[in-house]
Amino acid sequence: MIRLLIADDEDLLRGALAALLALEPDIEVVAEAATATGAVRLAREHRPDIAVLDLEMPPTDGLRAAEEIRAALPTRIVLVTRHARPAVLRRALAVGVSGFVPKTTEATRLAEIIRDVAAGRRYVDPEIAASALTEDPCPLSERELEVLRASRTGASVNEIAARVHLAPGTVRNYLSAAMTKLGASSRHAAAHKAWEEGWI
């Protein structure tokens, strides 16, 4: 029996998916979560074989939850998303995500993917994989990405500086460089663009 955790902030979708997957004879839904932090907590509590996580979940996101779960448990992760950005796929694979599927995937097909992942295989939606191979590389440095990631929380320059252990002037320089590279009028616009591309 494959023990499953399902996490999605949309109650109707999560409930429907749980009900459909529970009909499969070899799958048992052991927990459901509505947030990324709830997913991590329930994964630690129930130790499922597989966690099916929505990528766009508050308060962080499914990818951050996947990272935390993978660091603590042998649970395999399947990420489900509406907006399959190729850079997110690369980040997901880097943290050990085993499956990456769009939300348009039928429940019966998702059940097959869950079985494959439980057997130790990986699955990446072919269209997402194809676009990941042809996407332009990220023009930002690691430090620029780091300060943009911190600025997405609405933190001030001084708060970002404290968080990333840099001087405020250095943070301003990185933010300015990122804005220039992305053609953004503000650090918030630059952070949003980087997030939309899946770089942060």
N, C-alpha and C. Protein backbone atom coordinates (compact mmCIF):
# COMPACT_ATOMS: atom_id res chain seq x y z
N MET A 1 0.84 -1.20 0.00
CA MET A 1 0.00 0.00 0.00
C MET A 1 0.88 1.25 0.00
N ILE A 2 0.61 2.18 -0.91
CA ILE A 2 1.36 3.44 -1.00
C ILE A 2 0.65 4.47 -0.12
N ARG A 3 1.38 4.94 0.90
CA ARG A 3 0.81 5.92 1.82
C ARG A 3 1.10 7.33 1.31
N LEU A 4 0.03 8.14 1.20
CA LEU A 4 0.10 9.41 0.49
C LEU A 4 -0.30 10.59 1.36
N LEU A 5 0.45 11.68 1.23
CA LEU A 5 0.05 12.97 1.79
C LEU A 5 -0.28 13.88 0.61
N ILE A 6 -1.40 14.60 0.69
CA ILE A 6 -1.78 15.54 -0.37
C ILE A 6 -1.85 16.93 0.23
N ALA A 7 -1.17 17.89 -0.40
CA ALA A 7 -1.18 19.26 0.08
C ALA A 7 -1.53 20.22 -1.04
N ASP A 8 -2.59 20.99 -0.83
CA ASP A 8 -3.05 21.98 -1.80
C ASP A 8 -3.88 22.99 -1.03
N ASP A 9 -3.68 24.29 -1.30
CA ASP A 9 -4.43 25.30 -0.55
C ASP A 9 -5.86 25.47 -1.04
N GLU A 10 -6.21 24.85 -2.18
CA GLU A 10 -7.58 24.91 -2.67
C GLU A 10 -8.35 23.69 -2.16
N ASP A 11 -9.24 23.90 -1.20
CA ASP A 11 -9.93 22.81 -0.51
C ASP A 11 -10.67 21.87 -1.45
N LEU A 12 -11.36 22.45 -2.42
CA LEU A 12 -12.16 21.64 -3.34
C LEU A 12 -11.27 20.71 -4.16
N LEU A 13 -10.19 21.25 -4.70
CA LEU A 13 -9.27 20.44 -5.50
C LEU A 13 -8.60 19.35 -4.66
N ARG A 14 -8.14 19.76 -3.46
CA ARG A 14 -7.47 18.79 -2.59
C ARG A 14 -8.42 17.66 -2.21
N GLY A 15 -9.65 18.01 -1.85
CA GLY A 15 -10.63 17.00 -1.46
C GLY A 15 -11.00 16.08 -2.60
N ALA A 16 -11.17 16.65 -3.80
CA ALA A 16 -11.51 15.83 -4.97
C ALA A 16 -10.37 14.88 -5.32
N LEU A 17 -9.13 15.40 -5.28
CA LEU A 17 -7.98 14.56 -5.60
C LEU A 17 -7.83 13.44 -4.57
N ALA A 18 -7.99 13.77 -3.30
CA ALA A 18 -7.89 12.75 -2.25
C ALA A 18 -8.95 11.68 -2.44
N ALA A 19 -10.17 12.09 -2.76
CA ALA A 19 -11.26 11.13 -2.94
C ALA A 19 -11.00 10.22 -4.14
N LEU A 20 -10.51 10.80 -5.23
CA LEU A 20 -10.24 9.99 -6.44
C LEU A 20 -9.08 9.02 -6.23
N LEU A 21 -8.01 9.51 -5.59
CA LEU A 21 -6.86 8.63 -5.38
C LEU A 21 -7.16 7.55 -4.34
N ALA A 22 -8.03 7.85 -3.39
CA ALA A 22 -8.41 6.86 -2.37
C ALA A 22 -9.17 5.69 -2.98
N LEU A 23 -9.72 5.88 -4.18
CA LEU A 23 -10.42 4.78 -4.88
C LEU A 23 -9.46 3.74 -5.44
N GLU A 24 -8.20 4.13 -5.58
CA GLU A 24 -7.19 3.19 -6.10
C GLU A 24 -6.92 2.12 -5.04
N PRO A 25 -6.87 0.85 -5.44
CA PRO A 25 -6.73 -0.23 -4.44
C PRO A 25 -5.40 -0.26 -3.70
N ASP A 26 -4.37 0.37 -4.28
CA ASP A 26 -3.03 0.30 -3.67
C ASP A 26 -2.55 1.64 -3.12
N ILE A 27 -3.48 2.62 -3.01
CA ILE A 27 -3.11 3.95 -2.50
C ILE A 27 -3.98 4.31 -1.30
N GLU A 28 -3.34 4.76 -0.23
CA GLU A 28 -4.07 5.20 0.96
C GLU A 28 -3.67 6.64 1.26
N VAL A 29 -4.64 7.55 1.30
CA VAL A 29 -4.38 8.95 1.65
C VAL A 29 -4.36 9.04 3.18
N VAL A 30 -3.17 9.30 3.74
CA VAL A 30 -3.03 9.29 5.20
C VAL A 30 -3.13 10.69 5.81
N ALA A 31 -2.96 11.75 4.97
CA ALA A 31 -3.04 13.11 5.50
C ALA A 31 -3.29 14.10 4.38
N GLU A 32 -3.94 15.22 4.74
CA GLU A 32 -4.19 16.31 3.80
C GLU A 32 -3.79 17.62 4.47
N ALA A 33 -3.14 18.51 3.72
CA ALA A 33 -2.71 19.80 4.26
C ALA A 33 -3.13 20.92 3.31
N ALA A 34 -3.36 22.10 3.89
CA ALA A 34 -3.76 23.26 3.09
C ALA A 34 -2.64 24.29 2.93
N THR A 35 -1.52 24.07 3.64
CA THR A 35 -0.40 25.01 3.56
C THR A 35 0.92 24.23 3.44
N ALA A 36 1.96 24.95 3.03
CA ALA A 36 3.29 24.34 2.94
C ALA A 36 3.79 23.93 4.32
N THR A 37 3.58 24.78 5.33
CA THR A 37 4.03 24.44 6.68
C THR A 37 3.25 23.26 7.23
N GLY A 38 1.95 23.20 6.92
CA GLY A 38 1.13 22.05 7.33
C GLY A 38 1.60 20.77 6.68
N ALA A 39 2.01 20.87 5.42
CA ALA A 39 2.52 19.69 4.70
C ALA A 39 3.77 19.14 5.37
N VAL A 40 4.67 20.02 5.76
CA VAL A 40 5.92 19.59 6.42
C VAL A 40 5.60 18.95 7.77
N ARG A 41 4.71 19.58 8.53
CA ARG A 41 4.35 19.06 9.86
C ARG A 41 3.69 17.68 9.74
N LEU A 42 2.73 17.55 8.81
CA LEU A 42 2.02 16.28 8.65
C LEU A 42 2.93 15.19 8.06
N ALA A 43 3.87 15.58 7.23
CA ALA A 43 4.83 14.60 6.68
C ALA A 43 5.67 14.01 7.82
N ARG A 44 6.10 14.89 8.73
CA ARG A 44 6.90 14.40 9.88
C ARG A 44 6.05 13.50 10.78
N GLU A 45 4.77 13.85 10.91
CA GLU A 45 3.88 13.10 11.79
C GLU A 45 3.49 11.75 11.20
N HIS A 46 3.15 11.72 9.91
CA HIS A 46 2.62 10.50 9.28
C HIS A 46 3.65 9.69 8.48
N ARG A 47 4.78 10.32 8.14
CA ARG A 47 5.84 9.66 7.37
C ARG A 47 5.30 8.93 6.14
N PRO A 48 4.64 9.66 5.22
CA PRO A 48 4.07 9.02 4.03
C PRO A 48 5.17 8.55 3.07
N ASP A 49 4.81 7.63 2.21
CA ASP A 49 5.75 7.19 1.16
C ASP A 49 5.95 8.30 0.14
N ILE A 50 4.85 8.98 -0.18
CA ILE A 50 4.87 10.03 -1.20
C ILE A 50 4.05 11.22 -0.72
N ALA A 51 4.56 12.43 -0.99
CA ALA A 51 3.80 13.66 -0.75
C ALA A 51 3.52 14.31 -2.10
N VAL A 52 2.25 14.54 -2.38
CA VAL A 52 1.84 15.25 -3.59
C VAL A 52 1.58 16.69 -3.17
N LEU A 53 2.44 17.60 -3.63
CA LEU A 53 2.40 18.98 -3.17
C LEU A 53 2.06 19.94 -4.31
N ASP A 54 1.15 20.86 -4.04
CA ASP A 54 0.88 21.95 -4.97
C ASP A 54 2.06 22.91 -4.89
N LEU A 55 2.55 23.35 -6.04
CA LEU A 55 3.70 24.25 -6.06
C LEU A 55 3.35 25.62 -5.47
N GLU A 56 2.17 26.14 -5.79
CA GLU A 56 1.79 27.50 -5.38
C GLU A 56 0.96 27.46 -4.09
N MET A 57 1.64 27.19 -2.98
CA MET A 57 0.96 27.09 -1.68
C MET A 57 1.54 28.11 -0.71
N PRO A 58 0.68 28.79 0.07
CA PRO A 58 1.22 29.67 1.11
C PRO A 58 1.75 28.85 2.29
N PRO A 59 2.50 29.39 3.21
CA PRO A 59 3.03 30.75 3.17
C PRO A 59 4.33 30.85 2.37
N THR A 60 5.00 29.75 2.09
CA THR A 60 6.22 29.79 1.26
C THR A 60 5.83 29.28 -0.11
N ASP A 61 6.09 28.02 -0.38
CA ASP A 61 5.59 27.36 -1.58
C ASP A 61 5.87 25.87 -1.47
N GLY A 62 5.34 25.10 -2.43
CA GLY A 62 5.51 23.66 -2.39
C GLY A 62 6.95 23.21 -2.53
N LEU A 63 7.74 24.00 -3.24
CA LEU A 63 9.15 23.64 -3.44
C LEU A 63 9.93 23.74 -2.14
N ARG A 64 9.66 24.80 -1.36
CA ARG A 64 10.31 24.93 -0.05
C ARG A 64 9.87 23.80 0.87
N ALA A 65 8.58 23.45 0.83
CA ALA A 65 8.09 22.33 1.63
C ALA A 65 8.76 21.03 1.20
N ALA A 66 8.91 20.84 -0.11
CA ALA A 66 9.57 19.64 -0.63
C ALA A 66 11.00 19.54 -0.10
N GLU A 67 11.69 20.68 -0.09
CA GLU A 67 13.07 20.72 0.41
C GLU A 67 13.13 20.29 1.87
N GLU A 68 12.22 20.83 2.69
CA GLU A 68 12.22 20.51 4.12
C GLU A 68 11.86 19.04 4.36
N ILE A 69 10.88 18.54 3.62
CA ILE A 69 10.48 17.14 3.78
C ILE A 69 11.61 16.22 3.37
N ARG A 70 12.24 16.51 2.23
CA ARG A 70 13.33 15.66 1.73
C ARG A 70 14.53 15.67 2.68
N ALA A 71 14.75 16.81 3.35
CA ALA A 71 15.88 16.90 4.29
C ALA A 71 15.65 16.05 5.53
N ALA A 72 14.38 15.82 5.88
CA ALA A 72 14.06 15.13 7.13
C ALA A 72 13.61 13.68 6.95
N LEU A 73 13.09 13.34 5.77
CA LEU A 73 12.44 12.04 5.59
C LEU A 73 12.80 11.40 4.25
N PRO A 74 12.58 10.09 4.14
CA PRO A 74 12.78 9.43 2.84
C PRO A 74 11.57 9.57 1.91
N THR A 75 10.58 10.36 2.32
CA THR A 75 9.37 10.57 1.51
C THR A 75 9.74 11.11 0.13
N ARG A 76 9.13 10.52 -0.90
CA ARG A 76 9.34 11.01 -2.27
C ARG A 76 8.31 12.09 -2.56
N ILE A 77 8.68 13.04 -3.42
CA ILE A 77 7.83 14.21 -3.67
C ILE A 77 7.36 14.25 -5.13
N VAL A 78 6.06 14.52 -5.31
CA VAL A 78 5.50 14.83 -6.62
C VAL A 78 4.94 16.24 -6.53
N LEU A 79 5.47 17.15 -7.35
CA LEU A 79 4.97 18.52 -7.38
C LEU A 79 3.92 18.66 -8.47
N VAL A 80 2.82 19.33 -8.15
CA VAL A 80 1.74 19.57 -9.10
C VAL A 80 1.61 21.08 -9.25
N THR A 81 1.49 21.56 -10.49
CA THR A 81 1.45 23.00 -10.69
C THR A 81 0.57 23.43 -11.85
N ARG A 82 0.03 24.64 -11.74
CA ARG A 82 -0.71 25.25 -12.85
C ARG A 82 0.25 25.94 -13.80
N HIS A 83 1.32 26.51 -13.23
CA HIS A 83 2.26 27.30 -14.01
C HIS A 83 3.61 26.60 -14.01
N ALA A 84 3.82 25.77 -15.00
CA ALA A 84 5.04 24.96 -15.05
C ALA A 84 6.18 25.76 -15.66
N ARG A 85 6.95 26.44 -14.82
CA ARG A 85 8.07 27.22 -15.31
C ARG A 85 9.32 26.34 -15.32
N PRO A 86 10.04 26.32 -16.45
CA PRO A 86 11.20 25.43 -16.57
C PRO A 86 12.25 25.61 -15.47
N ALA A 87 12.50 26.86 -15.05
CA ALA A 87 13.51 27.07 -14.00
C ALA A 87 13.09 26.42 -12.70
N VAL A 88 11.79 26.38 -12.43
CA VAL A 88 11.28 25.72 -11.23
C VAL A 88 11.55 24.22 -11.32
N LEU A 89 11.38 23.66 -12.51
CA LEU A 89 11.68 22.24 -12.70
C LEU A 89 13.13 21.95 -12.34
N ARG A 90 14.05 22.78 -12.81
CA ARG A 90 15.46 22.55 -12.51
C ARG A 90 15.71 22.63 -11.00
N ARG A 91 15.10 23.61 -10.34
CA ARG A 91 15.27 23.72 -8.88
C ARG A 91 14.66 22.52 -8.17
N ALA A 92 13.51 22.07 -8.67
CA ALA A 92 12.83 20.92 -8.06
C ALA A 92 13.70 19.66 -8.17
N LEU A 93 14.25 19.43 -9.32
CA LEU A 93 15.11 18.25 -9.52
C LEU A 93 16.35 18.34 -8.63
N ALA A 94 16.86 19.55 -8.46
CA ALA A 94 18.06 19.75 -7.63
C ALA A 94 17.81 19.40 -6.17
N VAL A 95 16.56 19.58 -5.68
CA VAL A 95 16.29 19.25 -4.27
C VAL A 95 15.73 17.83 -4.11
N GLY A 96 15.70 17.07 -5.19
CA GLY A 96 15.31 15.67 -5.08
C GLY A 96 13.85 15.37 -5.32
N VAL A 97 13.11 16.27 -5.97
CA VAL A 97 11.72 15.99 -6.32
C VAL A 97 11.69 14.88 -7.37
N SER A 98 10.79 13.93 -7.20
CA SER A 98 10.73 12.76 -8.09
C SER A 98 9.72 12.89 -9.22
N GLY A 99 8.72 13.77 -9.05
CA GLY A 99 7.70 13.92 -10.08
C GLY A 99 7.30 15.37 -10.24
N PHE A 100 7.03 15.78 -11.47
CA PHE A 100 6.66 17.16 -11.76
C PHE A 100 5.57 17.11 -12.80
N VAL A 101 4.35 17.44 -12.41
CA VAL A 101 3.19 17.27 -13.30
C VAL A 101 2.30 18.50 -13.30
N PRO A 102 1.66 18.82 -14.43
CA PRO A 102 0.70 19.93 -14.45
C PRO A 102 -0.61 19.53 -13.78
N LYS A 103 -1.37 20.53 -13.33
CA LYS A 103 -2.65 20.26 -12.66
C LYS A 103 -3.70 19.72 -13.63
N THR A 104 -3.42 19.77 -14.92
CA THR A 104 -4.36 19.24 -15.91
C THR A 104 -4.26 17.71 -16.01
N THR A 105 -3.32 17.11 -15.31
CA THR A 105 -3.14 15.65 -15.33
C THR A 105 -4.38 14.97 -14.73
N GLU A 106 -4.88 13.94 -15.41
CA GLU A 106 -6.04 13.20 -14.91
C GLU A 106 -5.64 12.38 -13.68
N ALA A 107 -6.60 12.17 -12.79
CA ALA A 107 -6.33 11.45 -11.54
C ALA A 107 -5.81 10.03 -11.79
N THR A 108 -6.36 9.35 -12.82
CA THR A 108 -5.89 7.99 -13.11
C THR A 108 -4.43 8.00 -13.57
N ARG A 109 -4.06 9.03 -14.35
CA ARG A 109 -2.67 9.15 -14.81
C ARG A 109 -1.77 9.51 -13.63
N LEU A 110 -2.27 10.38 -12.74
CA LEU A 110 -1.48 10.73 -11.56
C LEU A 110 -1.25 9.50 -10.69
N ALA A 111 -2.24 8.64 -10.58
CA ALA A 111 -2.07 7.40 -9.81
C ALA A 111 -0.95 6.54 -10.40
N GLU A 112 -0.88 6.48 -11.74
CA GLU A 112 0.20 5.72 -12.39
C GLU A 112 1.56 6.35 -12.09
N ILE A 113 1.61 7.68 -12.14
CA ILE A 113 2.86 8.39 -11.85
C ILE A 113 3.28 8.15 -10.41
N ILE A 114 2.31 8.16 -9.49
CA ILE A 114 2.59 7.90 -8.07
C ILE A 114 3.19 6.49 -7.91
N ARG A 115 2.63 5.53 -8.63
CA ARG A 115 3.17 4.15 -8.56
C ARG A 115 4.61 4.10 -9.10
N ASP A 116 4.85 4.80 -10.20
CA ASP A 116 6.22 4.85 -10.76
C ASP A 116 7.20 5.46 -9.76
N VAL A 117 6.79 6.57 -9.14
CA VAL A 117 7.65 7.25 -8.18
C VAL A 117 7.88 6.35 -6.96
N ALA A 118 6.84 5.66 -6.51
CA ALA A 118 6.97 4.74 -5.38
C ALA A 118 7.95 3.61 -5.70
N ALA A 119 8.04 3.26 -6.98
CA ALA A 119 8.96 2.20 -7.41
C ALA A 119 10.38 2.71 -7.64
N GLY A 120 10.59 4.02 -7.37
CA GLY A 120 11.93 4.57 -7.48
C GLY A 120 12.23 5.29 -8.78
N ARG A 121 11.22 5.43 -9.64
CA ARG A 121 11.44 6.13 -10.90
C ARG A 121 11.06 7.60 -10.77
N ARG A 122 11.49 8.39 -11.75
CA ARG A 122 11.12 9.82 -11.81
C ARG A 122 10.16 10.03 -12.96
N TYR A 123 9.34 11.07 -12.80
CA TYR A 123 8.46 11.44 -13.92
C TYR A 123 8.44 12.96 -14.04
N VAL A 124 8.71 13.44 -15.27
CA VAL A 124 8.59 14.86 -15.57
C VAL A 124 7.71 14.98 -16.80
N ASP A 125 6.69 15.82 -16.71
CA ASP A 125 5.80 16.04 -17.84
C ASP A 125 6.63 16.39 -19.07
N PRO A 126 6.40 15.72 -20.22
CA PRO A 126 7.23 15.94 -21.42
C PRO A 126 7.25 17.39 -21.91
N GLU A 127 6.13 18.10 -21.84
CA GLU A 127 6.12 19.49 -22.31
C GLU A 127 6.97 20.39 -21.42
N ILE A 128 6.89 20.15 -20.11
CA ILE A 128 7.71 20.93 -19.18
C ILE A 128 9.19 20.64 -19.42
N ALA A 129 9.51 19.36 -19.62
CA ALA A 129 10.90 18.98 -19.87
C ALA A 129 11.43 19.62 -21.15
N ALA A 130 10.61 19.63 -22.21
CA ALA A 130 11.03 20.21 -23.49
C ALA A 130 11.29 21.71 -23.34
N SER A 131 10.40 22.41 -22.63
CA SER A 131 10.61 23.86 -22.48
C SER A 131 11.80 24.16 -21.58
N ALA A 132 12.08 23.28 -20.62
CA ALA A 132 13.25 23.47 -19.75
C ALA A 132 14.55 23.38 -20.55
N LEU A 133 14.55 22.53 -21.57
CA LEU A 133 15.76 22.35 -22.38
C LEU A 133 16.03 23.52 -23.31
N THR A 134 14.97 24.26 -23.65
CA THR A 134 15.14 25.36 -24.62
C THR A 134 15.10 26.74 -23.96
N GLU A 135 14.89 26.81 -22.67
CA GLU A 135 14.79 28.09 -21.98
C GLU A 135 16.15 28.77 -21.87
N ASP A 136 16.12 30.11 -21.95
CA ASP A 136 17.36 30.88 -21.77
C ASP A 136 17.82 30.74 -20.32
N PRO A 137 19.14 30.76 -20.10
CA PRO A 137 19.63 30.65 -18.72
C PRO A 137 19.32 31.92 -17.93
N CYS A 138 19.32 31.79 -16.62
CA CYS A 138 19.07 32.92 -15.73
C CYS A 138 20.26 33.89 -15.80
N PRO A 139 19.99 35.20 -16.03
CA PRO A 139 21.09 36.16 -16.15
C PRO A 139 21.62 36.66 -14.81
N LEU A 140 20.99 36.26 -13.72
CA LEU A 140 21.34 36.79 -12.40
C LEU A 140 22.35 35.91 -11.68
N SER A 141 23.19 36.57 -10.87
CA SER A 141 24.16 35.82 -10.05
C SER A 141 23.45 35.23 -8.84
N GLU A 142 24.13 34.32 -8.13
CA GLU A 142 23.55 33.71 -6.93
C GLU A 142 23.22 34.76 -5.88
N ARG A 143 24.11 35.74 -5.70
CA ARG A 143 23.88 36.79 -4.72
C ARG A 143 22.69 37.66 -5.10
N GLU A 144 22.55 37.98 -6.40
CA GLU A 144 21.41 38.77 -6.86
C GLU A 144 20.10 38.00 -6.61
N LEU A 145 20.13 36.71 -6.88
CA LEU A 145 18.94 35.89 -6.62
C LEU A 145 18.63 35.86 -5.12
N GLU A 146 19.67 35.77 -4.31
CA GLU A 146 19.49 35.71 -2.86
C GLU A 146 18.81 36.97 -2.32
N VAL A 147 19.27 38.16 -2.79
CA VAL A 147 18.66 39.39 -2.27
C VAL A 147 17.26 39.60 -2.83
N LEU A 148 17.01 39.16 -4.06
CA LEU A 148 15.65 39.25 -4.61
C LEU A 148 14.70 38.32 -3.86
N ARG A 149 15.18 37.12 -3.53
CA ARG A 149 14.36 36.16 -2.79
C ARG A 149 13.97 36.77 -1.43
N ALA A 150 14.93 37.40 -0.77
CA ALA A 150 14.66 38.02 0.53
C ALA A 150 13.73 39.22 0.37
N SER A 151 13.83 39.93 -0.74
CA SER A 151 12.99 41.12 -0.91
C SER A 151 11.54 40.77 -1.22
N ARG A 152 11.28 39.55 -1.65
CA ARG A 152 9.89 39.12 -1.93
C ARG A 152 9.04 39.11 -0.67
N THR A 153 9.67 39.05 0.49
CA THR A 153 8.92 39.03 1.75
C THR A 153 8.48 40.43 2.17
N GLY A 154 8.92 41.46 1.41
CA GLY A 154 8.60 42.83 1.77
C GLY A 154 9.58 43.43 2.75
N ALA A 155 10.70 42.74 2.97
CA ALA A 155 11.71 43.21 3.93
C ALA A 155 12.38 44.49 3.41
N SER A 156 12.83 45.33 4.34
CA SER A 156 13.58 46.53 3.99
C SER A 156 15.00 46.14 3.59
N VAL A 157 15.74 47.10 3.02
CA VAL A 157 17.13 46.83 2.63
C VAL A 157 17.94 46.41 3.86
N ASN A 158 17.73 47.10 4.98
CA ASN A 158 18.48 46.75 6.20
C ASN A 158 18.13 45.34 6.69
N GLU A 159 16.86 44.98 6.60
CA GLU A 159 16.44 43.62 7.01
C GLU A 159 17.02 42.56 6.08
N ILE A 160 17.04 42.87 4.78
CA ILE A 160 17.65 41.94 3.82
C ILE A 160 19.13 41.78 4.11
N ALA A 161 19.79 42.90 4.38
CA ALA A 161 21.23 42.87 4.68
C ALA A 161 21.53 41.98 5.88
N ALA A 162 20.71 42.11 6.93
CA ALA A 162 20.90 41.28 8.12
C ALA A 162 20.67 39.81 7.80
N ARG A 163 19.67 39.54 6.98
CA ARG A 163 19.30 38.16 6.64
C ARG A 163 20.38 37.47 5.82
N VAL A 164 20.98 38.21 4.87
CA VAL A 164 21.95 37.58 3.95
C VAL A 164 23.40 37.88 4.34
N HIS A 165 23.58 38.57 5.50
CA HIS A 165 24.91 38.85 6.05
C HIS A 165 25.77 39.69 5.10
N LEU A 166 25.17 40.79 4.62
CA LEU A 166 25.88 41.74 3.77
C LEU A 166 25.62 43.15 4.29
N ALA A 167 26.45 44.10 3.87
CA ALA A 167 26.22 45.50 4.21
C ALA A 167 25.04 46.02 3.39
N PRO A 168 24.25 46.96 3.96
CA PRO A 168 23.12 47.51 3.21
C PRO A 168 23.51 48.08 1.84
N GLY A 169 24.64 48.74 1.77
CA GLY A 169 25.10 49.29 0.48
C GLY A 169 25.34 48.19 -0.55
N THR A 170 25.89 47.08 -0.09
CA THR A 170 26.14 45.94 -0.99
C THR A 170 24.82 45.35 -1.47
N VAL A 171 23.84 45.26 -0.57
CA VAL A 171 22.52 44.77 -0.95
C VAL A 171 21.91 45.68 -2.02
N ARG A 172 22.03 47.02 -1.81
CA ARG A 172 21.51 47.97 -2.81
C ARG A 172 22.17 47.76 -4.16
N ASN A 173 23.47 47.51 -4.15
CA ASN A 173 24.20 47.27 -5.41
C ASN A 173 23.68 46.02 -6.13
N TYR A 174 23.48 44.94 -5.37
CA TYR A 174 22.96 43.71 -5.97
C TYR A 174 21.54 43.91 -6.50
N LEU A 175 20.72 44.62 -5.73
CA LEU A 175 19.35 44.88 -6.18
C LEU A 175 19.34 45.72 -7.45
N SER A 176 20.20 46.73 -7.48
CA SER A 176 20.28 47.60 -8.65
C SER A 176 20.75 46.83 -9.88
N ALA A 177 21.74 45.97 -9.70
CA ALA A 177 22.24 45.15 -10.82
C ALA A 177 21.14 44.22 -11.34
N ALA A 178 20.39 43.61 -10.41
CA ALA A 178 19.31 42.71 -10.82
C ALA A 178 18.22 43.47 -11.56
N MET A 179 17.87 44.66 -11.07
CA MET A 179 16.85 45.48 -11.74
C MET A 179 17.30 45.84 -13.16
N THR A 180 18.55 46.20 -13.31
CA THR A 180 19.08 46.55 -14.64
C THR A 180 19.02 45.35 -15.58
N LYS A 181 19.49 44.21 -15.11
CA LYS A 181 19.50 43.00 -15.95
C LYS A 181 18.09 42.58 -16.37
N LEU A 182 17.11 42.79 -15.49
CA LEU A 182 15.74 42.36 -15.77
C LEU A 182 14.87 43.47 -16.36
N GLY A 183 15.44 44.68 -16.49
CA GLY A 183 14.67 45.79 -17.03
C GLY A 183 13.49 46.15 -16.14
N ALA A 184 13.70 46.04 -14.82
CA ALA A 184 12.62 46.29 -13.86
C ALA A 184 12.76 47.67 -13.24
N SER A 185 11.63 48.30 -12.93
CA SER A 185 11.64 49.67 -12.41
C SER A 185 11.82 49.71 -10.88
N SER A 186 11.64 48.59 -10.22
CA SER A 186 11.80 48.55 -8.76
C SER A 186 12.31 47.17 -8.35
N ARG A 187 12.78 47.09 -7.10
CA ARG A 187 13.25 45.78 -6.63
C ARG A 187 12.10 44.79 -6.51
N HIS A 188 10.91 45.32 -6.20
CA HIS A 188 9.75 44.44 -6.08
C HIS A 188 9.36 43.88 -7.45
N ALA A 189 9.44 44.72 -8.48
CA ALA A 189 9.15 44.26 -9.85
C ALA A 189 10.20 43.24 -10.29
N ALA A 190 11.45 43.48 -9.94
CA ALA A 190 12.52 42.54 -10.29
C ALA A 190 12.32 41.20 -9.59
N ALA A 191 11.96 41.26 -8.30
CA ALA A 191 11.72 40.03 -7.53
C ALA A 191 10.54 39.27 -8.12
N HIS A 192 9.49 39.99 -8.50
CA HIS A 192 8.31 39.34 -9.07
C HIS A 192 8.65 38.67 -10.40
N LYS A 193 9.43 39.37 -11.22
CA LYS A 193 9.82 38.79 -12.51
C LYS A 193 10.67 37.54 -12.31
N ALA A 194 11.61 37.61 -11.37
CA ALA A 194 12.46 36.45 -11.10
C ALA A 194 11.62 35.28 -10.58
N TRP A 195 10.61 35.59 -9.75
CA TRP A 195 9.73 34.53 -9.25
C TRP A 195 8.91 33.93 -10.41
N GLU A 196 8.36 34.79 -11.28
CA GLU A 196 7.57 34.31 -12.41
C GLU A 196 8.38 33.40 -13.32
N GLU A 197 9.67 33.71 -13.46
CA GLU A 197 10.54 32.87 -14.30
C GLU A 197 10.96 31.58 -13.59
N GLY A 198 10.70 31.53 -12.29
CA GLY A 198 11.07 30.33 -11.53
C GLY A 198 12.48 30.34 -11.03
N TRP A 199 13.15 31.51 -11.04
CA TRP A 199 14.54 31.58 -10.60
C TRP A 199 14.65 31.67 -9.09
N ILE A 200 13.60 32.16 -8.44
CA ILE A 200 13.64 32.25 -6.97
C ILE A 200 12.37 31.61 -6.41
